[in-house]
Amino acid sequence: MLNPVWLRTLGAVVELGSFADAARLLGYSPSAVSQQMSRLERAIDRPLFNRDRRGVVPTAAAIRLAERATPLLDMLANLDQSEDAGGGVTRLRIGLCAGGLRYARPALRRLAGSSAPLALSVVAGESTELVDGITSGSLDVAVVSRYELVPRVWPGKVATWPLADEPLAVLVPPGHRVAGEASVTFRGLRDEWWVAGPEAGDEFRHLQRACAAAEFQPRVAACVEDRDTAAELARDGVGVALAPVAAAVPAGLVAVRVAGPAGRRIEVVHAVADNSAATVGFVLCLREHGAHPSTTDSRTGHLGAAG
């Protein structure tokens, strides 16, 4: 009989391509992961991984077994949660930064498509607030951002997984002087008025520091809480606004990529001690789709909340 713990570890190793990363996600030591995989190989009497200098490469047998085990592990997770969560309801509290829904959507769809009853809560907020929610226990998992010019070191109790690096663009009306350019520098925007995020937020700090590096201070016309409002004000000519290059461009605006130090990294975070089936499954799905997030936003023209 195959141990479900081994199967769950197998899924993590197959997805992450590393015993060490799987151990970090599941809260084990690397040696414990290696031992579990060795026992699983003996149980099925076939190799599951080829090992080389770059790490471990799953065999076809490992990939097939991980795929077949996923629905069974979901069923077992429901049984484990039935006593504490009210009849097998999967509970997951998710936090999203600005643009985070694009990355979370594939995992949310996977949860919605499962046979498990769901009790999801999703909140939007600034990345620092979301990480505080993870450490306090009010959130299980969060998609957060770190701006290049605003270094952040998350607490040691938080496990971090990179999803994507996003360049930034500036949103301008079609008739704006830079609307036809392939890219623009912050120095080339020194005479503009800006519509920025909240003053306490990382986007605002990133804007200030990027402009300072170009030897000027930004003229801020308005600080807003969400990107929809920022887009409206930019469309009305109140000021230009920053937005991720990957996000959809709202109607009536043009996105011009900002050259230079103008990027942010999207990450998924969760508590180091949290190796619940729901959290681990959500993180693995996010990692699987991280480089190719949902494109639904491109059809709706929605940029999401600021943060």
C-alpha atoms as a PDB file:
ATOM      1  CA  MET A   1       0.000   0.000   0.000  1.00  0.00           C
ATOM      2  CA  LEU A   2       1.334   3.433  -0.945  1.00  0.00           C
ATOM      3  CA  ASN A   3       1.708   5.942   1.839  1.00  0.00           C
ATOM      4  CA  PRO A   4      -0.287   9.113   0.984  1.00  0.00           C
ATOM      5  CA  VAL A   5       2.410  11.225   2.646  1.00  0.00           C
ATOM      6  CA  TRP A   6       4.933   9.882   0.141  1.00  0.00           C
ATOM      7  CA  LEU A   7       2.568  10.645  -2.736  1.00  0.00           C
ATOM      8  CA  ARG A   8       2.048  14.183  -1.570  1.00  0.00           C
ATOM      9  CA  THR A   9       5.803  14.690  -1.295  1.00  0.00           C
ATOM     10  CA  LEU A  10       6.208  13.194  -4.768  1.00  0.00           C
ATOM     11  CA  GLY A  11       3.825  15.791  -6.205  1.00  0.00           C
ATOM     12  CA  ALA A  12       5.842  18.602  -4.620  1.00  0.00           C
ATOM     13  CA  VAL A  13       9.177  17.273  -5.916  1.00  0.00           C
ATOM     14  CA  VAL A  14       7.797  16.735  -9.426  1.00  0.00           C
ATOM     15  CA  GLU A  15       6.435  20.276  -9.544  1.00  0.00           C
ATOM     16  CA  LEU A  16       9.419  22.033  -7.950  1.00  0.00           C
ATOM     17  CA  GLY A  17      12.205  19.861  -9.379  1.00  0.00           C
ATOM     18  CA  SER A  18      14.109  19.867  -6.116  1.00  0.00           C
ATOM     19  CA  PHE A  19      14.161  17.849  -2.904  1.00  0.00           C
ATOM     20  CA  ALA A  20      15.268  20.959  -0.992  1.00  0.00           C
ATOM     21  CA  ASP A  21      12.422  23.120  -2.325  1.00  0.00           C
ATOM     22  CA  ALA A  22       9.861  20.389  -1.669  1.00  0.00           C
ATOM     23  CA  ALA A  23      11.182  20.081   1.877  1.00  0.00           C
ATOM     24  CA  ARG A  24      10.841  23.827   2.411  1.00  0.00           C
ATOM     25  CA  LEU A  25       7.275  23.813   1.114  1.00  0.00           C
ATOM     26  CA  LEU A  26       6.185  20.817   3.177  1.00  0.00           C
ATOM     27  CA  GLY A  27       8.094  21.647   6.360  1.00  0.00           C
ATOM     28  CA  TYR A  28      10.410  18.602   6.185  1.00  0.00           C
ATOM     29  CA  SER A  29      14.170  18.275   6.083  1.00  0.00           C
ATOM     30  CA  PRO A  30      15.730  17.488   2.674  1.00  0.00           C
ATOM     31  CA  SER A  31      16.912  14.142   4.010  1.00  0.00           C
ATOM     32  CA  ALA A  32      13.337  13.262   5.040  1.00  0.00           C
ATOM     33  CA  VAL A  33      12.125  14.009   1.501  1.00  0.00           C
ATOM     34  CA  SER A  34      14.935  11.893   0.049  1.00  0.00           C
ATOM     35  CA  GLN A  35      14.057   9.006   2.366  1.00  0.00           C
ATOM     36  CA  GLN A  36      10.358   9.199   1.453  1.00  0.00           C
ATOM     37  CA  MET A  37      11.156   9.109  -2.262  1.00  0.00           C
ATOM     38  CA  SER A  38      13.522   6.162  -1.790  1.00  0.00           C
ATOM     39  CA  ARG A  39      10.798   4.250   0.051  1.00  0.00           C
ATOM     40  CA  LEU A  40       8.280   5.069  -2.646  1.00  0.00           C
ATOM     41  CA  GLU A  41      10.676   3.840  -5.334  1.00  0.00           C
ATOM     42  CA  ARG A  42      11.102   0.558  -3.466  1.00  0.00           C
ATOM     43  CA  ALA A  43       7.342   0.248  -3.020  1.00  0.00           C
ATOM     44  CA  ILE A  44       6.626   0.523  -6.756  1.00  0.00           C
ATOM     45  CA  ASP A  45       9.902  -1.150  -7.771  1.00  0.00           C
ATOM     46  CA  ARG A  46      10.957   1.478 -10.314  1.00  0.00           C
ATOM     47  CA  PRO A  47      13.028   4.667 -10.319  1.00  0.00           C
ATOM     48  CA  LEU A  48      11.187   7.957  -9.969  1.00  0.00           C
ATOM     49  CA  PHE A  49      14.019  10.445 -10.489  1.00  0.00           C
ATOM     50  CA  ASN A  50      17.181  10.852 -12.494  1.00  0.00           C
ATOM     51  CA  ARG A  51      19.738  12.864 -10.562  1.00  0.00           C
ATOM     52  CA  ASP A  52      22.253  15.213 -12.158  1.00  0.00           C
ATOM     53  CA  ARG A  53      24.212  18.346 -11.232  1.00  0.00           C
ATOM     54  CA  ARG A  54      21.143  20.581 -11.780  1.00  0.00           C
ATOM     55  CA  GLY A  55      18.925  18.622  -9.379  1.00  0.00           C
ATOM     56  CA  VAL A  56      16.393  15.863  -9.845  1.00  0.00           C
ATOM     57  CA  VAL A  57      14.476  15.119 -13.047  1.00  0.00           C
ATOM     58  CA  PRO A  58      11.238  13.124 -12.655  1.00  0.00           C
ATOM     59  CA  THR A  59      10.833  10.019 -14.786  1.00  0.00           C
ATOM     60  CA  ALA A  60       7.701   9.352 -16.811  1.00  0.00           C
ATOM     61  CA  ALA A  61       6.587   6.968 -14.058  1.00  0.00           C
ATOM     62  CA  ALA A  62       6.914   9.727 -11.443  1.00  0.00           C
ATOM     63  CA  ILE A  63       4.856  12.162 -13.513  1.00  0.00           C
ATOM     64  CA  ARG A  64       2.097   9.597 -14.138  1.00  0.00           C
ATOM     65  CA  LEU A  65       1.961   8.589 -10.484  1.00  0.00           C
ATOM     66  CA  ALA A  66       1.822  12.212  -9.299  1.00  0.00           C
ATOM     67  CA  GLU A  67      -1.022  12.984 -11.724  1.00  0.00           C
ATOM     68  CA  ARG A  68      -3.038   9.915 -10.694  1.00  0.00           C
ATOM     69  CA  ALA A  69      -2.476  10.604  -6.987  1.00  0.00           C
ATOM     70  CA  THR A  70      -3.802  14.187  -7.048  1.00  0.00           C
ATOM     71  CA  PRO A  71      -7.571  13.427  -6.884  1.00  0.00           C
ATOM     72  CA  LEU A  72      -7.000  10.751  -4.248  1.00  0.00           C
ATOM     73  CA  LEU A  73      -5.028  13.151  -2.065  1.00  0.00           C
ATOM     74  CA  ASP A  74      -7.790  15.741  -2.450  1.00  0.00           C
ATOM     75  CA  MET A  75     -10.321  13.205  -1.178  1.00  0.00           C
ATOM     76  CA  LEU A  76      -8.112  12.301   1.783  1.00  0.00           C
ATOM     77  CA  ALA A  77      -7.661  15.980   2.613  1.00  0.00           C
ATOM     78  CA  ASN A  78     -11.428  16.383   2.797  1.00  0.00           C
ATOM     79  CA  LEU A  79     -11.721  13.457   5.152  1.00  0.00           C
ATOM     80  CA  ASP A  80      -8.975  14.862   7.368  1.00  0.00           C
ATOM     81  CA  GLN A  81     -10.710  18.245   7.552  1.00  0.00           C
ATOM     82  CA  SER A  82     -14.252  16.982   8.125  1.00  0.00           C
ATOM     83  CA  GLU A  83     -14.173  17.093  11.911  1.00  0.00           C
ATOM     84  CA  ASP A  84     -12.660  20.583  12.256  1.00  0.00           C
ATOM     85  CA  ALA A  85     -14.003  22.310   9.174  1.00  0.00           C
ATOM     86  CA  GLY A  86     -17.617  21.221   9.156  1.00  0.00           C
ATOM     87  CA  GLY A  87     -18.203  18.185   6.965  1.00  0.00           C
ATOM     88  CA  GLY A  88     -15.171  18.206   4.693  1.00  0.00           C
ATOM     89  CA  VAL A  89     -15.255  21.869   3.696  1.00  0.00           C
ATOM     90  CA  THR A  90     -11.921  23.088   2.333  1.00  0.00           C
ATOM     91  CA  ARG A  91     -11.137  26.427   3.949  1.00  0.00           C
ATOM     92  CA  LEU A  92      -8.541  28.742   2.485  1.00  0.00           C
ATOM     93  CA  ARG A  93      -7.980  32.430   3.265  1.00  0.00           C
ATOM     94  CA  ILE A  94      -6.212  34.171   0.394  1.00  0.00           C
ATOM     95  CA  GLY A  95      -4.671  37.639   0.136  1.00  0.00           C
ATOM     96  CA  LEU A  96      -3.987  39.389  -3.178  1.00  0.00           C
ATOM     97  CA  CYS A  97      -1.839  42.412  -3.992  1.00  0.00           C
ATOM     98  CA  ALA A  98      -2.483  44.627  -7.012  1.00  0.00           C
ATOM     99  CA  GLY A  99      -2.552  42.401 -10.081  1.00  0.00           C
ATOM    100  CA  GLY A 100      -2.369  39.285  -7.916  1.00  0.00           C
ATOM    101  CA  LEU A 101      -5.640  37.875  -9.210  1.00  0.00           C
ATOM    102  CA  ARG A 102      -4.021  37.246 -12.601  1.00  0.00           C
ATOM    103  CA  TYR A 103      -1.690  34.755 -10.934  1.00  0.00           C
ATOM    104  CA  ALA A 104      -4.181  33.298  -8.449  1.00  0.00           C
ATOM    105  CA  ARG A 105      -6.961  32.688 -10.973  1.00  0.00           C
ATOM    106  CA  PRO A 106      -5.693  29.286 -12.292  1.00  0.00           C
ATOM    107  CA  ALA A 107      -5.442  27.930  -8.742  1.00  0.00           C
ATOM    108  CA  LEU A 108      -8.875  29.315  -7.851  1.00  0.00           C
ATOM    109  CA  ARG A 109     -10.332  27.654 -10.928  1.00  0.00           C
ATOM    110  CA  ARG A 110      -8.730  24.355  -9.964  1.00  0.00           C
ATOM    111  CA  LEU A 111     -10.289  24.577  -6.515  1.00  0.00           C
ATOM    112  CA  ALA A 112     -13.653  25.505  -7.989  1.00  0.00           C
ATOM    113  CA  GLY A 113     -13.459  22.557 -10.379  1.00  0.00           C
ATOM    114  CA  SER A 114     -12.736  20.025  -7.636  1.00  0.00           C
ATOM    115  CA  SER A 115     -15.417  17.960  -5.960  1.00  0.00           C
ATOM    116  CA  ALA A 116     -14.504  19.389  -2.551  1.00  0.00           C
ATOM    117  CA  PRO A 117     -16.898  21.845  -0.859  1.00  0.00           C
ATOM    118  CA  LEU A 118     -15.146  25.214  -0.704  1.00  0.00           C
ATOM    119  CA  ALA A 119     -15.084  27.979   1.868  1.00  0.00           C
ATOM    120  CA  LEU A 120     -12.765  30.551   0.317  1.00  0.00           C
ATOM    121  CA  SER A 121     -12.176  34.093   1.478  1.00  0.00           C
ATOM    122  CA  VAL A 122     -10.219  36.505  -0.720  1.00  0.00           C
ATOM    123  CA  VAL A 123      -9.020  39.933   0.390  1.00  0.00           C
ATOM    124  CA  ALA A 124      -7.026  42.610  -1.448  1.00  0.00           C
ATOM    125  CA  GLY A 125      -4.412  44.795   0.201  1.00  0.00           C
ATOM    126  CA  GLU A 126      -0.896  46.149   0.356  1.00  0.00           C
ATOM    127  CA  SER A 127       1.759  43.431   0.306  1.00  0.00           C
ATOM    128  CA  THR A 128       3.114  44.302   3.752  1.00  0.00           C
ATOM    129  CA  GLU A 129      -0.393  44.050   5.208  1.00  0.00           C
ATOM    130  CA  LEU A 130      -0.899  40.670   3.556  1.00  0.00           C
ATOM    131  CA  VAL A 131       2.374  39.316   4.942  1.00  0.00           C
ATOM    132  CA  ASP A 132       1.322  40.557   8.385  1.00  0.00           C
ATOM    133  CA  GLY A 133      -1.873  38.543   7.874  1.00  0.00           C
ATOM    134  CA  ILE A 134       0.188  35.419   7.193  1.00  0.00           C
ATOM    135  CA  THR A 135       2.310  35.855  10.328  1.00  0.00           C
ATOM    136  CA  SER A 136      -0.726  36.625  12.510  1.00  0.00           C
ATOM    137  CA  GLY A 137      -2.643  33.628  11.211  1.00  0.00           C
ATOM    138  CA  SER A 138      -5.517  35.588   9.652  1.00  0.00           C
ATOM    139  CA  LEU A 139      -4.455  34.506   6.124  1.00  0.00           C
ATOM    140  CA  ASP A 140      -3.253  31.139   4.814  1.00  0.00           C
ATOM    141  CA  VAL A 141      -1.580  32.207   1.570  1.00  0.00           C
ATOM    142  CA  ALA A 142      -0.997  35.474  -0.265  1.00  0.00           C
ATOM    143  CA  VAL A 143       0.211  36.728  -3.632  1.00  0.00           C
ATOM    144  CA  VAL A 144       2.417  39.749  -2.942  1.00  0.00           C
ATOM    145  CA  SER A 145       4.775  42.076  -4.786  1.00  0.00           C
ATOM    146  CA  ARG A 146       8.198  43.531  -4.064  1.00  0.00           C
ATOM    147  CA  TYR A 147       9.307  46.622  -5.974  1.00  0.00           C
ATOM    148  CA  GLU A 148      12.913  46.751  -7.138  1.00  0.00           C
ATOM    149  CA  LEU A 149      13.689  50.034  -5.395  1.00  0.00           C
ATOM    150  CA  VAL A 150      11.853  49.180  -2.153  1.00  0.00           C
ATOM    151  CA  PRO A 151      13.732  46.219  -0.608  1.00  0.00           C
ATOM    152  CA  ARG A 152      11.595  44.031   1.612  1.00  0.00           C
ATOM    153  CA  VAL A 153      12.715  41.205   3.892  1.00  0.00           C
ATOM    154  CA  TRP A 154       9.760  39.108   4.957  1.00  0.00           C
ATOM    155  CA  PRO A 155       9.755  37.586   8.469  1.00  0.00           C
ATOM    156  CA  GLY A 156      11.481  34.268   9.021  1.00  0.00           C
ATOM    157  CA  LYS A 157       8.134  32.585   9.720  1.00  0.00           C
ATOM    158  CA  VAL A 158       7.113  33.169   6.094  1.00  0.00           C
ATOM    159  CA  ALA A 159       8.066  30.912   3.170  1.00  0.00           C
ATOM    160  CA  THR A 160       8.439  32.760  -0.142  1.00  0.00           C
ATOM    161  CA  TRP A 161       8.156  31.437  -3.693  1.00  0.00           C
ATOM    162  CA  PRO A 162       8.828  33.612  -6.789  1.00  0.00           C
ATOM    163  CA  LEU A 163       6.154  33.635  -9.490  1.00  0.00           C
ATOM    164  CA  ALA A 164       7.192  36.283 -12.019  1.00  0.00           C
ATOM    165  CA  ASP A 165       9.213  39.446 -12.620  1.00  0.00           C
ATOM    166  CA  GLU A 166       7.050  42.254 -13.989  1.00  0.00           C
ATOM    167  CA  PRO A 167       8.387  45.362 -15.756  1.00  0.00           C
ATOM    168  CA  LEU A 168       6.321  48.501 -15.249  1.00  0.00           C
ATOM    169  CA  ALA A 169       4.687  50.846 -17.736  1.00  0.00           C
ATOM    170  CA  VAL A 170       3.261  54.338 -17.561  1.00  0.00           C
ATOM    171  CA  LEU A 171      -0.385  54.845 -18.563  1.00  0.00           C
ATOM    172  CA  VAL A 172      -1.036  57.938 -20.705  1.00  0.00           C
ATOM    173  CA  PRO A 173      -3.879  59.155 -22.977  1.00  0.00           C
ATOM    174  CA  PRO A 174      -3.441  58.407 -26.720  1.00  0.00           C
ATOM    175  CA  GLY A 175      -2.547  62.020 -27.523  1.00  0.00           C
ATOM    176  CA  HIS A 176       0.200  62.237 -24.908  1.00  0.00           C
ATOM    177  CA  ARG A 177       3.671  63.201 -26.152  1.00  0.00           C
ATOM    178  CA  VAL A 178       5.156  59.764 -25.232  1.00  0.00           C
ATOM    179  CA  ALA A 179       2.162  57.678 -26.352  1.00  0.00           C
ATOM    180  CA  GLY A 180       3.869  56.601 -29.551  1.00  0.00           C
ATOM    181  CA  GLU A 181       7.213  55.687 -27.938  1.00  0.00           C
ATOM    182  CA  ALA A 182       8.371  52.092 -27.418  1.00  0.00           C
ATOM    183  CA  SER A 183       9.699  53.032 -23.982  1.00  0.00           C
ATOM    184  CA  VAL A 184      10.428  56.040 -21.813  1.00  0.00           C
ATOM    185  CA  THR A 185      12.791  56.759 -18.923  1.00  0.00           C
ATOM    186  CA  PHE A 186      11.823  58.388 -15.659  1.00  0.00           C
ATOM    187  CA  ARG A 187      14.024  61.321 -16.662  1.00  0.00           C
ATOM    188  CA  GLY A 188      11.831  61.699 -19.719  1.00  0.00           C
ATOM    189  CA  LEU A 189       8.803  62.007 -17.417  1.00  0.00           C
ATOM    190  CA  ARG A 190      10.227  64.660 -15.090  1.00  0.00           C
ATOM    191  CA  ASP A 191       7.702  67.315 -16.170  1.00  0.00           C
ATOM    192  CA  GLU A 192       4.648  65.082 -15.659  1.00  0.00           C
ATOM    193  CA  TRP A 193       2.067  65.092 -12.905  1.00  0.00           C
ATOM    194  CA  TRP A 194       1.508  61.649 -11.372  1.00  0.00           C
ATOM    195  CA  VAL A 195      -1.452  59.634 -10.118  1.00  0.00           C
ATOM    196  CA  ALA A 196       0.127  57.358  -7.531  1.00  0.00           C
ATOM    197  CA  GLY A 197      -0.848  54.662  -5.056  1.00  0.00           C
ATOM    198  CA  PRO A 198      -1.241  55.296  -1.309  1.00  0.00           C
ATOM    199  CA  GLU A 199       1.607  57.290   0.235  1.00  0.00           C
ATOM    200  CA  ALA A 200       2.350  54.464   2.669  1.00  0.00           C
ATOM    201  CA  GLY A 201       2.520  51.901  -0.147  1.00  0.00           C
ATOM    202  CA  ASP A 202       5.521  50.416  -1.923  1.00  0.00           C
ATOM    203  CA  GLU A 203       4.433  51.667  -5.355  1.00  0.00           C
ATOM    204  CA  PHE A 204       4.564  55.267  -4.106  1.00  0.00           C
ATOM    205  CA  ARG A 205       8.006  54.716  -2.540  1.00  0.00           C
ATOM    206  CA  HIS A 206       9.266  53.076  -5.731  1.00  0.00           C
ATOM    207  CA  LEU A 207       8.076  56.072  -7.770  1.00  0.00           C
ATOM    208  CA  GLN A 208       9.801  58.507  -5.414  1.00  0.00           C
ATOM    209  CA  ARG A 209      13.109  56.627  -5.500  1.00  0.00           C
ATOM    210  CA  ALA A 210      13.060  56.077  -9.260  1.00  0.00           C
ATOM    211  CA  CYS A 211      12.496  59.778  -9.811  1.00  0.00           C
ATOM    212  CA  ALA A 212      15.178  60.657  -7.255  1.00  0.00           C
ATOM    213  CA  ALA A 213      17.627  58.478  -9.200  1.00  0.00           C
ATOM    214  CA  ALA A 214      16.737  60.615 -12.233  1.00  0.00           C
ATOM    215  CA  GLU A 215      17.461  63.729 -10.112  1.00  0.00           C
ATOM    216  CA  PHE A 216      13.970  65.132  -9.637  1.00  0.00           C
ATOM    217  CA  GLN A 217      11.007  64.810  -7.301  1.00  0.00           C
ATOM    218  CA  PRO A 218       7.710  63.606  -8.775  1.00  0.00           C
ATOM    219  CA  ARG A 219       4.808  66.021  -8.834  1.00  0.00           C
ATOM    220  CA  VAL A 220       1.942  63.964  -7.381  1.00  0.00           C
ATOM    221  CA  ALA A 221      -1.505  65.162  -8.417  1.00  0.00           C
ATOM    222  CA  ALA A 222      -3.417  62.443  -6.543  1.00  0.00           C
ATOM    223  CA  CYS A 223      -2.910  59.345  -4.399  1.00  0.00           C
ATOM    224  CA  VAL A 224      -5.567  56.670  -4.893  1.00  0.00           C
ATOM    225  CA  GLU A 225      -6.372  53.296  -3.344  1.00  0.00           C
ATOM    226  CA  ASP A 226      -7.100  51.296  -6.514  1.00  0.00           C
ATOM    227  CA  ARG A 227      -5.910  51.053 -10.092  1.00  0.00           C
ATOM    228  CA  ASP A 228      -9.354  51.608 -11.593  1.00  0.00           C
ATOM    229  CA  THR A 229      -9.446  55.101 -10.087  1.00  0.00           C
ATOM    230  CA  ALA A 230      -5.862  55.737 -11.180  1.00  0.00           C
ATOM    231  CA  ALA A 231      -6.788  54.747 -14.722  1.00  0.00           C
ATOM    232  CA  GLU A 232      -9.823  57.049 -14.702  1.00  0.00           C
ATOM    233  CA  LEU A 233      -7.734  60.008 -13.578  1.00  0.00           C
ATOM    234  CA  ALA A 234      -5.002  59.251 -16.114  1.00  0.00           C
ATOM    235  CA  ARG A 235      -7.660  59.083 -18.841  1.00  0.00           C
ATOM    236  CA  ASP A 236      -8.957  62.475 -17.726  1.00  0.00           C
ATOM    237  CA  GLY A 237      -5.470  63.969 -18.003  1.00  0.00           C
ATOM    238  CA  VAL A 238      -4.957  64.509 -14.260  1.00  0.00           C
ATOM    239  CA  GLY A 239      -1.610  62.718 -14.380  1.00  0.00           C
ATOM    240  CA  VAL A 240       0.238  59.655 -15.650  1.00  0.00           C
ATOM    241  CA  ALA A 241       0.109  56.400 -13.663  1.00  0.00           C
ATOM    242  CA  LEU A 242       2.306  53.333 -13.184  1.00  0.00           C
ATOM    243  CA  ALA A 243       0.971  49.857 -13.972  1.00  0.00           C
ATOM    244  CA  PRO A 244       2.507  46.422 -14.650  1.00  0.00           C
ATOM    245  CA  VAL A 245       3.347  45.837 -18.308  1.00  0.00           C
ATOM    246  CA  ALA A 246       1.562  42.473 -18.142  1.00  0.00           C
ATOM    247  CA  ALA A 247      -1.748  43.992 -17.002  1.00  0.00           C
ATOM    248  CA  ALA A 248      -4.476  44.851 -19.471  1.00  0.00           C
ATOM    249  CA  VAL A 249      -4.550  48.426 -20.707  1.00  0.00           C
ATOM    250  CA  PRO A 250      -7.836  50.193 -19.885  1.00  0.00           C
ATOM    251  CA  ALA A 251      -9.812  51.645 -22.777  1.00  0.00           C
ATOM    252  CA  GLY A 252      -8.745  55.167 -23.649  1.00  0.00           C
ATOM    253  CA  LEU A 253      -5.162  54.757 -22.422  1.00  0.00           C
ATOM    254  CA  VAL A 254      -1.800  53.714 -23.836  1.00  0.00           C
ATOM    255  CA  ALA A 255       0.843  51.780 -21.856  1.00  0.00           C
ATOM    256  CA  VAL A 256       4.464  52.820 -22.505  1.00  0.00           C
ATOM    257  CA  ARG A 257       7.137  50.653 -20.915  1.00  0.00           C
ATOM    258  CA  VAL A 258       9.373  52.444 -18.431  1.00  0.00           C
ATOM    259  CA  ALA A 259      13.052  51.698 -18.994  1.00  0.00           C
ATOM    260  CA  GLY A 260      15.490  51.398 -16.125  1.00  0.00           C
ATOM    261  CA  PRO A 261      14.854  50.452 -12.492  1.00  0.00           C
ATOM    262  CA  ALA A 262      11.120  50.039 -12.807  1.00  0.00           C
ATOM    263  CA  GLY A 263      10.190  46.465 -12.020  1.00  0.00           C
ATOM    264  CA  ARG A 264       8.532  44.401  -9.353  1.00  0.00           C
ATOM    265  CA  ARG A 265       8.592  40.718  -8.411  1.00  0.00           C
ATOM    266  CA  ILE A 266       5.416  38.721  -7.786  1.00  0.00           C
ATOM    267  CA  GLU A 267       5.691  36.099  -5.037  1.00  0.00           C
ATOM    268  CA  VAL A 268       3.437  33.693  -3.172  1.00  0.00           C
ATOM    269  CA  VAL A 269       3.924  33.480   0.588  1.00  0.00           C
ATOM    270  CA  HIS A 270       2.602  31.253   3.359  1.00  0.00           C
ATOM    271  CA  ALA A 271       3.553  30.366   6.911  1.00  0.00           C
ATOM    272  CA  VAL A 272       6.560  28.041   7.135  1.00  0.00           C
ATOM    273  CA  ALA A 273       4.662  25.837   9.580  1.00  0.00           C
ATOM    274  CA  ASP A 274       1.607  25.529   7.309  1.00  0.00           C
ATOM    275  CA  ASN A 275       1.836  22.328   5.238  1.00  0.00           C
ATOM    276  CA  SER A 276      -1.922  21.777   4.955  1.00  0.00           C
ATOM    277  CA  ALA A 277      -3.169  20.122   1.789  1.00  0.00           C
ATOM    278  CA  ALA A 278      -5.103  23.226   0.709  1.00  0.00           C
ATOM    279  CA  THR A 279      -2.164  25.617   1.128  1.00  0.00           C
ATOM    280  CA  VAL A 280       0.414  23.302  -0.439  1.00  0.00           C
ATOM    281  CA  GLY A 281      -1.873  22.509  -3.375  1.00  0.00           C
ATOM    282  CA  PHE A 282      -2.594  26.187  -3.946  1.00  0.00           C
ATOM    283  CA  VAL A 283       1.112  27.095  -3.896  1.00  0.00           C
ATOM    284  CA  LEU A 284       2.017  24.289  -6.302  1.00  0.00           C
ATOM    285  CA  CYS A 285      -0.707  25.360  -8.727  1.00  0.00           C
ATOM    286  CA  LEU A 286       0.484  28.975  -8.536  1.00  0.00           C
ATOM    287  CA  ARG A 287       4.046  27.858  -9.248  1.00  0.00           C
ATOM    288  CA  GLU A 288       2.870  25.767 -12.193  1.00  0.00           C
ATOM    289  CA  HIS A 289       1.112  28.723 -13.831  1.00  0.00           C
ATOM    290  CA  GLY A 290       3.322  31.548 -12.518  1.00  0.00           C
ATOM    291  CA  ALA A 291       5.167  32.270 -15.748  1.00  0.00           C
ATOM    292  CA  HIS A 292       1.907  32.136 -17.741  1.00  0.00           C
ATOM    293  CA  PRO A 293      -0.788  33.819 -15.642  1.00  0.00           C
ATOM    294  CA  SER A 294      -4.425  34.007 -16.640  1.00  0.00           C
ATOM    295  CA  THR A 295      -5.170  36.334 -19.544  1.00  0.00           C
ATOM    296  CA  THR A 296      -8.778  36.992 -18.559  1.00  0.00           C
ATOM    297  CA  ASP A 297      -7.830  40.518 -17.454  1.00  0.00           C
ATOM    298  CA  SER A 298      -6.725  41.311 -21.009  1.00  0.00           C
ATOM    299  CA  ARG A 299     -10.262  40.715 -22.209  1.00  0.00           C
ATOM    300  CA  THR A 300     -11.994  42.634 -19.453  1.00  0.00           C
ATOM    301  CA  GLY A 301      -9.573  45.562 -19.263  1.00  0.00           C
ATOM    302  CA  HIS A 302      -9.478  45.343 -15.469  1.00  0.00           C
ATOM    303  CA  LEU A 303      -6.313  46.241 -13.571  1.00  0.00           C
ATOM    304  CA  GLY A 304      -7.403  45.365 -10.037  1.00  0.00           C
ATOM    305  CA  ALA A 305      -6.774  46.922  -6.624  1.00  0.00           C
ATOM    306  CA  ALA A 306      -3.720  48.962  -5.726  1.00  0.00           C
ATOM    307  CA  GLY A 307      -1.031  47.480  -3.511  1.00  0.00           C
END
